[in-house]
């Protein structure tokens, strides 16, 4: 799920790329996987 979540987070903030996020986004950072934290 990291690839898709990072794709959403790195998209232009214009509203034309949105996404479905799942609870895994709360867990990536604790696993040492940056780029998709809730913030």
ModelCIF file with pLDDT and N, C-alpha, C, O atoms, coordinates in Angstrom:
data_MODEL
#
_entry.id   MODEL 
#
_entity.id                         1 
_entity.type                       polymer 
_entity.pdbx_number_of_molecules   1 
#
_entity_poly.entity_id                      1 
_entity_poly.type                           'polypeptide(L)' 
_entity_poly.nstd_linkage                   no 
_entity_poly.nstd_monomer                   no 
_entity_poly.pdbx_seq_one_letter_code       
;(UNK)(UNK)(UNK)(UNK)(UNK)(UNK)(UNK)(UNK)(UNK)(UNK)(UNK)(UNK)(UNK)(UNK)(UNK)(UNK)
(UNK)(UNK)(UNK)(UNK)(UNK)(UNK)(UNK)(UNK)(UNK)(UNK)(UNK)(UNK)(UNK)(UNK)(UNK)(UNK)
(UNK)(UNK)(UNK)(UNK)(UNK)(UNK)(UNK)
;
_entity_poly.pdbx_seq_one_letter_code_can   XXXXXXXXXXXXXXXXXXXXXXXXXXXXXXXXXXXXXXX 
_entity_poly.pdbx_strand_id                 A 
#
loop_
_entity_poly_seq.entity_id 
_entity_poly_seq.num 
_entity_poly_seq.mon_id 
_entity_poly_seq.hetero 
1 1  UNK n 
1 2  UNK n 
1 3  UNK n 
1 4  UNK n 
1 5  UNK n 
1 6  UNK n 
1 7  UNK n 
1 8  UNK n 
1 9  UNK n 
1 10 UNK n 
1 11 UNK n 
1 12 UNK n 
1 13 UNK n 
1 14 UNK n 
1 15 UNK n 
1 16 UNK n 
1 17 UNK n 
1 18 UNK n 
1 19 UNK n 
1 20 UNK n 
1 21 UNK n 
1 22 UNK n 
1 23 UNK n 
1 24 UNK n 
1 25 UNK n 
1 26 UNK n 
1 27 UNK n 
1 28 UNK n 
1 29 UNK n 
1 30 UNK n 
1 31 UNK n 
1 32 UNK n 
1 33 UNK n 
1 34 UNK n 
1 35 UNK n 
1 36 UNK n 
1 37 UNK n 
1 38 UNK n 
1 39 UNK n 
#
_struct_asym.id          A 
_struct_asym.entity_id   1 
#
loop_
_ma_qa_metric.id 
_ma_qa_metric.mode 
_ma_qa_metric.name 
_ma_qa_metric.software_group_id 
_ma_qa_metric.type 
1 global pLDDT . pLDDT 
2 local  pLDDT . pLDDT 
#
_ma_qa_metric_global.metric_id      1 
_ma_qa_metric_global.metric_value   95.03 
_ma_qa_metric_global.model_id       1 
_ma_qa_metric_global.ordinal_id     1 
#
loop_
_ma_qa_metric_local.label_asym_id 
_ma_qa_metric_local.label_comp_id 
_ma_qa_metric_local.label_seq_id 
_ma_qa_metric_local.metric_id 
_ma_qa_metric_local.metric_value 
_ma_qa_metric_local.model_id 
_ma_qa_metric_local.ordinal_id 
A UNK 1  2 92.00 1 1  
A UNK 2  2 95.00 1 2  
A UNK 3  2 97.00 1 3  
A UNK 4  2 98.00 1 4  
A UNK 5  2 98.00 1 5  
A UNK 6  2 98.00 1 6  
A UNK 7  2 98.00 1 7  
A UNK 8  2 98.00 1 8  
A UNK 9  2 98.00 1 9  
A UNK 10 2 98.00 1 10 
A UNK 11 2 98.00 1 11 
A UNK 12 2 98.00 1 12 
A UNK 13 2 98.00 1 13 
A UNK 14 2 97.00 1 14 
A UNK 15 2 98.00 1 15 
A UNK 16 2 98.00 1 16 
A UNK 17 2 98.00 1 17 
A UNK 18 2 98.00 1 18 
A UNK 19 2 98.00 1 19 
A UNK 20 2 98.00 1 20 
A UNK 21 2 97.00 1 21 
A UNK 22 2 94.00 1 22 
A UNK 23 2 90.00 1 23 
A UNK 24 2 88.00 1 24 
A UNK 25 2 92.00 1 25 
A UNK 26 2 92.00 1 26 
A UNK 27 2 90.00 1 27 
A UNK 28 2 91.00 1 28 
A UNK 29 2 93.00 1 29 
A UNK 30 2 91.00 1 30 
A UNK 31 2 87.00 1 31 
A UNK 32 2 91.00 1 32 
A UNK 33 2 92.00 1 33 
A UNK 34 2 93.00 1 34 
A UNK 35 2 95.00 1 35 
A UNK 36 2 96.00 1 36 
A UNK 37 2 95.00 1 37 
A UNK 38 2 95.00 1 38 
A UNK 39 2 95.00 1 39 
#
loop_
_atom_site.group_PDB 
_atom_site.id 
_atom_site.type_symbol 
_atom_site.label_atom_id 
_atom_site.label_alt_id 
_atom_site.label_comp_id 
_atom_site.label_asym_id 
_atom_site.label_entity_id 
_atom_site.label_seq_id 
_atom_site.pdbx_PDB_ins_code 
_atom_site.Cartn_x 
_atom_site.Cartn_y 
_atom_site.Cartn_z 
_atom_site.occupancy 
_atom_site.B_iso_or_equiv 
_atom_site.pdbx_formal_charge 
_atom_site.auth_seq_id 
_atom_site.auth_comp_id 
_atom_site.auth_asym_id 
_atom_site.auth_atom_id 
_atom_site.pdbx_PDB_model_num 
ATOM 1   N N  . UNK A 1 1  ? 0.793  -1.224 0.000   1.00 92.00 ? 1  UNK A N  1 
ATOM 2   C CA . UNK A 1 1  ? 0.000  0.000  0.000   1.00 92.00 ? 1  UNK A CA 1 
ATOM 3   C C  . UNK A 1 1  ? 0.822  1.270  0.000   1.00 92.00 ? 1  UNK A C  1 
ATOM 4   O O  . UNK A 1 1  ? 0.281  2.353  -0.221  1.00 92.00 ? 1  UNK A O  1 
ATOM 5   N N  . UNK A 1 2  ? 2.128  1.160  0.245   1.00 95.00 ? 2  UNK A N  1 
ATOM 6   C CA . UNK A 1 2  ? 2.976  2.351  0.347   1.00 95.00 ? 2  UNK A CA 1 
ATOM 7   C C  . UNK A 1 2  ? 3.035  3.117  -0.971  1.00 95.00 ? 2  UNK A C  1 
ATOM 8   O O  . UNK A 1 2  ? 2.969  4.346  -0.975  1.00 95.00 ? 2  UNK A O  1 
ATOM 9   N N  . UNK A 1 3  ? 3.158  2.403  -2.089  1.00 97.00 ? 3  UNK A N  1 
ATOM 10  C CA . UNK A 1 3  ? 3.297  3.059  -3.393  1.00 97.00 ? 3  UNK A CA 1 
ATOM 11  C C  . UNK A 1 3  ? 2.085  3.951  -3.682  1.00 97.00 ? 3  UNK A C  1 
ATOM 12  O O  . UNK A 1 3  ? 2.238  5.114  -4.053  1.00 97.00 ? 3  UNK A O  1 
ATOM 13  N N  . UNK A 1 4  ? 0.898  3.402  -3.511  1.00 98.00 ? 4  UNK A N  1 
ATOM 14  C CA . UNK A 1 4  ? -0.305 4.174  -3.789  1.00 98.00 ? 4  UNK A CA 1 
ATOM 15  C C  . UNK A 1 4  ? -0.490 5.342  -2.842  1.00 98.00 ? 4  UNK A C  1 
ATOM 16  O O  . UNK A 1 4  ? -0.884 6.432  -3.260  1.00 98.00 ? 4  UNK A O  1 
ATOM 17  N N  . UNK A 1 5  ? -0.205 5.116  -1.557  1.00 98.00 ? 5  UNK A N  1 
ATOM 18  C CA . UNK A 1 5  ? -0.351 6.205  -0.588  1.00 98.00 ? 5  UNK A CA 1 
ATOM 19  C C  . UNK A 1 5  ? 0.646  7.335  -0.877  1.00 98.00 ? 5  UNK A C  1 
ATOM 20  O O  . UNK A 1 5  ? 0.295  8.510  -0.777  1.00 98.00 ? 5  UNK A O  1 
ATOM 21  N N  . UNK A 1 6  ? 1.865  6.988  -1.230  1.00 98.00 ? 6  UNK A N  1 
ATOM 22  C CA . UNK A 1 6  ? 2.844  8.023  -1.569  1.00 98.00 ? 6  UNK A CA 1 
ATOM 23  C C  . UNK A 1 6  ? 2.429  8.768  -2.837  1.00 98.00 ? 6  UNK A C  1 
ATOM 24  O O  . UNK A 1 6  ? 2.632  9.976  -2.949  1.00 98.00 ? 6  UNK A O  1 
ATOM 25  N N  . UNK A 1 7  ? 1.847  8.042  -3.788  1.00 98.00 ? 7  UNK A N  1 
ATOM 26  C CA . UNK A 1 7  ? 1.362  8.688  -5.010  1.00 98.00 ? 7  UNK A CA 1 
ATOM 27  C C  . UNK A 1 7  ? 0.329  9.759  -4.689  1.00 98.00 ? 7  UNK A C  1 
ATOM 28  O O  . UNK A 1 7  ? 0.355  10.851 -5.256  1.00 98.00 ? 7  UNK A O  1 
ATOM 29  N N  . UNK A 1 8  ? -0.574 9.439  -3.779  1.00 98.00 ? 8  UNK A N  1 
ATOM 30  C CA . UNK A 1 8  ? -1.583 10.437 -3.372  1.00 98.00 ? 8  UNK A CA 1 
ATOM 31  C C  . UNK A 1 8  ? -0.901 11.620 -2.703  1.00 98.00 ? 8  UNK A C  1 
ATOM 32  O O  . UNK A 1 8  ? -1.169 12.773 -3.044  1.00 98.00 ? 8  UNK A O  1 
ATOM 33  N N  . UNK A 1 9  ? -0.015 11.334 -1.749  1.00 98.00 ? 9  UNK A N  1 
ATOM 34  C CA . UNK A 1 9  ? 0.630  12.400 -0.976  1.00 98.00 ? 9  UNK A CA 1 
ATOM 35  C C  . UNK A 1 9  ? 1.482  13.308 -1.851  1.00 98.00 ? 9  UNK A C  1 
ATOM 36  O O  . UNK A 1 9  ? 1.598  14.500 -1.566  1.00 98.00 ? 9  UNK A O  1 
ATOM 37  N N  . UNK A 1 10 ? 2.083  12.766 -2.916  1.00 98.00 ? 10 UNK A N  1 
ATOM 38  C CA . UNK A 1 10 ? 2.983  13.538 -3.769  1.00 98.00 ? 10 UNK A CA 1 
ATOM 39  C C  . UNK A 1 10 ? 2.282  14.211 -4.946  1.00 98.00 ? 10 UNK A C  1 
ATOM 40  O O  . UNK A 1 10 ? 2.932  14.879 -5.750  1.00 98.00 ? 10 UNK A O  1 
ATOM 41  N N  . UNK A 1 11 ? 0.990  14.046 -5.055  1.00 98.00 ? 11 UNK A N  1 
ATOM 42  C CA . UNK A 1 11 ? 0.258  14.648 -6.164  1.00 98.00 ? 11 UNK A CA 1 
ATOM 43  C C  . UNK A 1 11 ? 0.136  16.159 -5.991  1.00 98.00 ? 11 UNK A C  1 
ATOM 44  O O  . UNK A 1 11 ? 0.251  16.680 -4.881  1.00 98.00 ? 11 UNK A O  1 
ATOM 45  N N  . UNK A 1 12 ? -0.094 16.842 -7.088  1.00 98.00 ? 12 UNK A N  1 
ATOM 46  C CA . UNK A 1 12 ? -0.316 18.297 -7.023  1.00 98.00 ? 12 UNK A CA 1 
ATOM 47  C C  . UNK A 1 12 ? -1.555 18.578 -6.187  1.00 98.00 ? 12 UNK A C  1 
ATOM 48  O O  . UNK A 1 12 ? -2.577 17.916 -6.369  1.00 98.00 ? 12 UNK A O  1 
ATOM 49  N N  . UNK A 1 13 ? -1.489 19.547 -5.271  1.00 98.00 ? 13 UNK A N  1 
ATOM 50  C CA . UNK A 1 13 ? -2.630 19.830 -4.390  1.00 98.00 ? 13 UNK A CA 1 
ATOM 51  C C  . UNK A 1 13 ? -3.690 20.691 -5.076  1.00 98.00 ? 13 UNK A C  1 
ATOM 52  O O  . UNK A 1 13 ? -4.036 21.770 -4.596  1.00 98.00 ? 13 UNK A O  1 
ATOM 53  N N  . UNK A 1 14 ? -4.199 20.197 -6.201  1.00 97.00 ? 14 UNK A N  1 
ATOM 54  C CA . UNK A 1 14 ? -5.199 20.960 -6.955  1.00 97.00 ? 14 UNK A CA 1 
ATOM 55  C C  . UNK A 1 14 ? -6.561 20.276 -6.980  1.00 97.00 ? 14 UNK A C  1 
ATOM 56  O O  . UNK A 1 14 ? -7.512 20.809 -7.551  1.00 97.00 ? 14 UNK A O  1 
ATOM 57  N N  . UNK A 1 15 ? -6.664 19.096 -6.363  1.00 98.00 ? 15 UNK A N  1 
ATOM 58  C CA . UNK A 1 15 ? -7.943 18.404 -6.304  1.00 98.00 ? 15 UNK A CA 1 
ATOM 59  C C  . UNK A 1 15 ? -8.197 17.453 -7.448  1.00 98.00 ? 15 UNK A C  1 
ATOM 60  O O  . UNK A 1 15 ? -9.254 16.823 -7.495  1.00 98.00 ? 15 UNK A O  1 
ATOM 61  N N  . UNK A 1 16 ? -7.257 17.327 -8.379  1.00 98.00 ? 16 UNK A N  1 
ATOM 62  C CA . UNK A 1 16 ? -7.486 16.461 -9.531  1.00 98.00 ? 16 UNK A CA 1 
ATOM 63  C C  . UNK A 1 16 ? -6.832 15.090 -9.391  1.00 98.00 ? 16 UNK A C  1 
ATOM 64  O O  . UNK A 1 16 ? -6.997 14.230 -10.257 1.00 98.00 ? 16 UNK A O  1 
ATOM 65  N N  . UNK A 1 17 ? -6.100 14.888 -8.317  1.00 98.00 ? 17 UNK A N  1 
ATOM 66  C CA . UNK A 1 17 ? -5.655 13.543 -7.930  1.00 98.00 ? 17 UNK A CA 1 
ATOM 67  C C  . UNK A 1 17 ? -5.961 13.369 -6.456  1.00 98.00 ? 17 UNK A C  1 
ATOM 68  O O  . UNK A 1 17 ? -5.330 13.980 -5.593  1.00 98.00 ? 17 UNK A O  1 
ATOM 69  N N  . UNK A 1 18 ? -6.940 12.524 -6.189  1.00 98.00 ? 18 UNK A N  1 
ATOM 70  C CA . UNK A 1 18 ? -7.327 12.191 -4.828  1.00 98.00 ? 18 UNK A CA 1 
ATOM 71  C C  . UNK A 1 18 ? -7.086 10.696 -4.645  1.00 98.00 ? 18 UNK A C  1 
ATOM 72  O O  . UNK A 1 18 ? -6.529 10.053 -5.534  1.00 98.00 ? 18 UNK A O  1 
ATOM 73  N N  . UNK A 1 19 ? -7.491 10.139 -3.526  1.00 98.00 ? 19 UNK A N  1 
ATOM 74  C CA . UNK A 1 19 ? -7.301 8.711  -3.348  1.00 98.00 ? 19 UNK A CA 1 
ATOM 75  C C  . UNK A 1 19 ? -8.035 8.186  -2.141  1.00 98.00 ? 19 UNK A C  1 
ATOM 76  O O  . UNK A 1 19 ? -8.557 8.941  -1.320  1.00 98.00 ? 19 UNK A O  1 
ATOM 77  N N  . UNK A 1 20 ? -8.061 6.878  -2.057  1.00 98.00 ? 20 UNK A N  1 
ATOM 78  C CA . UNK A 1 20 ? -8.617 6.196  -0.891  1.00 98.00 ? 20 UNK A CA 1 
ATOM 79  C C  . UNK A 1 20 ? -7.455 5.795  0.001   1.00 98.00 ? 20 UNK A C  1 
ATOM 80  O O  . UNK A 1 20 ? -6.556 5.075  -0.433  1.00 98.00 ? 20 UNK A O  1 
ATOM 81  N N  . UNK A 1 21 ? -7.467 6.253  1.234   1.00 97.00 ? 21 UNK A N  1 
ATOM 82  C CA . UNK A 1 21 ? -6.420 5.859  2.172   1.00 97.00 ? 21 UNK A CA 1 
ATOM 83  C C  . UNK A 1 21 ? -6.989 4.853  3.165   1.00 97.00 ? 21 UNK A C  1 
ATOM 84  O O  . UNK A 1 21 ? -8.175 4.876  3.494   1.00 97.00 ? 21 UNK A O  1 
ATOM 85  N N  . UNK A 1 22 ? -6.122 3.981  3.625   1.00 94.00 ? 22 UNK A N  1 
ATOM 86  C CA . UNK A 1 22 ? -6.516 2.937  4.569   1.00 94.00 ? 22 UNK A CA 1 
ATOM 87  C C  . UNK A 1 22 ? -5.668 3.061  5.825   1.00 94.00 ? 22 UNK A C  1 
ATOM 88  O O  . UNK A 1 22 ? -4.761 3.891  5.895   1.00 94.00 ? 22 UNK A O  1 
ATOM 89  N N  . UNK A 1 23 ? -5.968 2.237  6.805   1.00 90.00 ? 23 UNK A N  1 
ATOM 90  C CA . UNK A 1 23 ? -5.337 2.376  8.115   1.00 90.00 ? 23 UNK A CA 1 
ATOM 91  C C  . UNK A 1 23 ? -3.825 2.158  8.064   1.00 90.00 ? 23 UNK A C  1 
ATOM 92  O O  . UNK A 1 23 ? -3.108 2.544  8.987   1.00 90.00 ? 23 UNK A O  1 
ATOM 93  N N  . UNK A 1 24 ? -3.346 1.542  6.991   1.00 88.00 ? 24 UNK A N  1 
ATOM 94  C CA . UNK A 1 24 ? -1.904 1.337  6.870   1.00 88.00 ? 24 UNK A CA 1 
ATOM 95  C C  . UNK A 1 24 ? -1.125 2.644  6.894   1.00 88.00 ? 24 UNK A C  1 
ATOM 96  O O  . UNK A 1 24 ? 0.049  2.653  7.264   1.00 88.00 ? 24 UNK A O  1 
ATOM 97  N N  . UNK A 1 25 ? -1.755 3.743  6.509   1.00 92.00 ? 25 UNK A N  1 
ATOM 98  C CA . UNK A 1 25 ? -1.033 5.018  6.511   1.00 92.00 ? 25 UNK A CA 1 
ATOM 99  C C  . UNK A 1 25 ? -0.646 5.455  7.915   1.00 92.00 ? 25 UNK A C  1 
ATOM 100 O O  . UNK A 1 25 ? 0.225  6.310  8.079   1.00 92.00 ? 25 UNK A O  1 
ATOM 101 N N  . UNK A 1 26 ? -1.283 4.877  8.932   1.00 92.00 ? 26 UNK A N  1 
ATOM 102 C CA . UNK A 1 26 ? -0.905 5.181  10.317  1.00 92.00 ? 26 UNK A CA 1 
ATOM 103 C C  . UNK A 1 26 ? 0.302  4.371  10.767  1.00 92.00 ? 26 UNK A C  1 
ATOM 104 O O  . UNK A 1 26 ? 0.825  4.595  11.859  1.00 92.00 ? 26 UNK A O  1 
ATOM 105 N N  . UNK A 1 27 ? 0.750  3.427  9.936   1.00 90.00 ? 27 UNK A N  1 
ATOM 106 C CA . UNK A 1 27 ? 1.750  2.456  10.355  1.00 90.00 ? 27 UNK A CA 1 
ATOM 107 C C  . UNK A 1 27 ? 3.075  2.557  9.602   1.00 90.00 ? 27 UNK A C  1 
ATOM 108 O O  . UNK A 1 27 ? 4.092  2.051  10.078  1.00 90.00 ? 27 UNK A O  1 
ATOM 109 N N  . UNK A 1 28 ? 3.078  3.195  8.445   1.00 91.00 ? 28 UNK A N  1 
ATOM 110 C CA . UNK A 1 28 ? 4.287  3.216  7.621   1.00 91.00 ? 28 UNK A CA 1 
ATOM 111 C C  . UNK A 1 28 ? 5.476  3.856  8.339   1.00 91.00 ? 28 UNK A C  1 
ATOM 112 O O  . UNK A 1 28 ? 6.578  3.309  8.339   1.00 91.00 ? 28 UNK A O  1 
ATOM 113 N N  . UNK A 1 29 ? 5.246  5.000  8.938   1.00 93.00 ? 29 UNK A N  1 
ATOM 114 C CA . UNK A 1 29 ? 6.340  5.755  9.531   1.00 93.00 ? 29 UNK A CA 1 
ATOM 115 C C  . UNK A 1 29 ? 7.021  4.957  10.646  1.00 93.00 ? 29 UNK A C  1 
ATOM 116 O O  . UNK A 1 29 ? 8.244  4.986  10.779  1.00 93.00 ? 29 UNK A O  1 
ATOM 117 N N  . UNK A 1 30 ? 6.224  4.249  11.442  1.00 91.00 ? 30 UNK A N  1 
ATOM 118 C CA . UNK A 1 30 ? 6.788  3.460  12.531  1.00 91.00 ? 30 UNK A CA 1 
ATOM 119 C C  . UNK A 1 30 ? 7.633  2.304  12.011  1.00 91.00 ? 30 UNK A C  1 
ATOM 120 O O  . UNK A 1 30 ? 8.473  1.770  12.736  1.00 91.00 ? 30 UNK A O  1 
ATOM 121 N N  . UNK A 1 31 ? 7.413  1.919  10.764  1.00 87.00 ? 31 UNK A N  1 
ATOM 122 C CA . UNK A 1 31 ? 8.206  0.861  10.147  1.00 87.00 ? 31 UNK A CA 1 
ATOM 123 C C  . UNK A 1 31 ? 9.436  1.409  9.428   1.00 87.00 ? 31 UNK A C  1 
ATOM 124 O O  . UNK A 1 31 ? 10.148 0.662  8.756   1.00 87.00 ? 31 UNK A O  1 
ATOM 125 N N  . UNK A 1 32 ? 9.684  2.696  9.566   1.00 91.00 ? 32 UNK A N  1 
ATOM 126 C CA . UNK A 1 32 ? 10.806 3.303  8.886   1.00 91.00 ? 32 UNK A CA 1 
ATOM 127 C C  . UNK A 1 32 ? 10.550 3.567  7.421   1.00 91.00 ? 32 UNK A C  1 
ATOM 128 O O  . UNK A 1 32 ? 11.489 3.623  6.626   1.00 91.00 ? 32 UNK A O  1 
ATOM 129 N N  . UNK A 1 33 ? 9.274  3.733  7.046   1.00 92.00 ? 33 UNK A N  1 
ATOM 130 C CA . UNK A 1 33 ? 8.887  3.971  5.653   1.00 92.00 ? 33 UNK A CA 1 
ATOM 131 C C  . UNK A 1 33 ? 8.299  5.371  5.543   1.00 92.00 ? 33 UNK A C  1 
ATOM 132 O O  . UNK A 1 33 ? 7.104  5.544  5.780   1.00 92.00 ? 33 UNK A O  1 
ATOM 133 N N  . UNK A 1 34 ? 9.088  6.365  5.195   1.00 93.00 ? 34 UNK A N  1 
ATOM 134 C CA . UNK A 1 34 ? 8.600  7.741  5.129   1.00 93.00 ? 34 UNK A CA 1 
ATOM 135 C C  . UNK A 1 34 ? 7.794  7.993  3.861   1.00 93.00 ? 34 UNK A C  1 
ATOM 136 O O  . UNK A 1 34 ? 7.830  7.211  2.911   1.00 93.00 ? 34 UNK A O  1 
ATOM 137 N N  . UNK A 1 35 ? 7.065  9.112  3.875   1.00 95.00 ? 35 UNK A N  1 
ATOM 138 C CA . UNK A 1 35 ? 6.381  9.561  2.675   1.00 95.00 ? 35 UNK A CA 1 
ATOM 139 C C  . UNK A 1 35 ? 4.882  9.444  2.693   1.00 95.00 ? 35 UNK A C  1 
ATOM 140 O O  . UNK A 1 35 ? 4.221  9.962  1.793   1.00 95.00 ? 35 UNK A O  1 
ATOM 141 N N  . UNK A 1 36 ? 4.310  8.775  3.693   1.00 96.00 ? 36 UNK A N  1 
ATOM 142 C CA . UNK A 1 36 ? 2.860  8.598  3.707   1.00 96.00 ? 36 UNK A CA 1 
ATOM 143 C C  . UNK A 1 36 ? 2.297  8.678  5.117   1.00 96.00 ? 36 UNK A C  1 
ATOM 144 O O  . UNK A 1 36 ? 1.364  7.948  5.450   1.00 96.00 ? 36 UNK A O  1 
ATOM 145 N N  . UNK A 1 37 ? 2.848  9.550  5.947   1.00 95.00 ? 37 UNK A N  1 
ATOM 146 C CA . UNK A 1 37 ? 2.312  9.770  7.294   1.00 95.00 ? 37 UNK A CA 1 
ATOM 147 C C  . UNK A 1 37 ? 1.018  10.576 7.197   1.00 95.00 ? 37 UNK A C  1 
ATOM 148 O O  . UNK A 1 37 ? 0.824  11.295 6.217   1.00 95.00 ? 37 UNK A O  1 
ATOM 149 N N  . UNK A 1 38 ? 0.131  10.475 8.184   1.00 95.00 ? 38 UNK A N  1 
ATOM 150 C CA . UNK A 1 38 ? -1.137 11.198 8.130   1.00 95.00 ? 38 UNK A CA 1 
ATOM 151 C C  . UNK A 1 38 ? -0.994 12.695 7.848   1.00 95.00 ? 38 UNK A C  1 
ATOM 152 O O  . UNK A 1 38 ? -1.845 13.286 7.185   1.00 95.00 ? 38 UNK A O  1 
ATOM 153 N N  . UNK A 1 39 ? 0.081  13.306 8.350   1.00 95.00 ? 39 UNK A N  1 
ATOM 154 C CA . UNK A 1 39 ? 0.268  14.752 8.151   1.00 95.00 ? 39 UNK A CA 1 
ATOM 155 C C  . UNK A 1 39 ? 0.543  15.110 6.695   1.00 95.00 ? 39 UNK A C  1 
ATOM 156 O O  . UNK A 1 39 ? 0.722  16.284 6.371   1.00 95.00 ? 39 UNK A O  1 
#
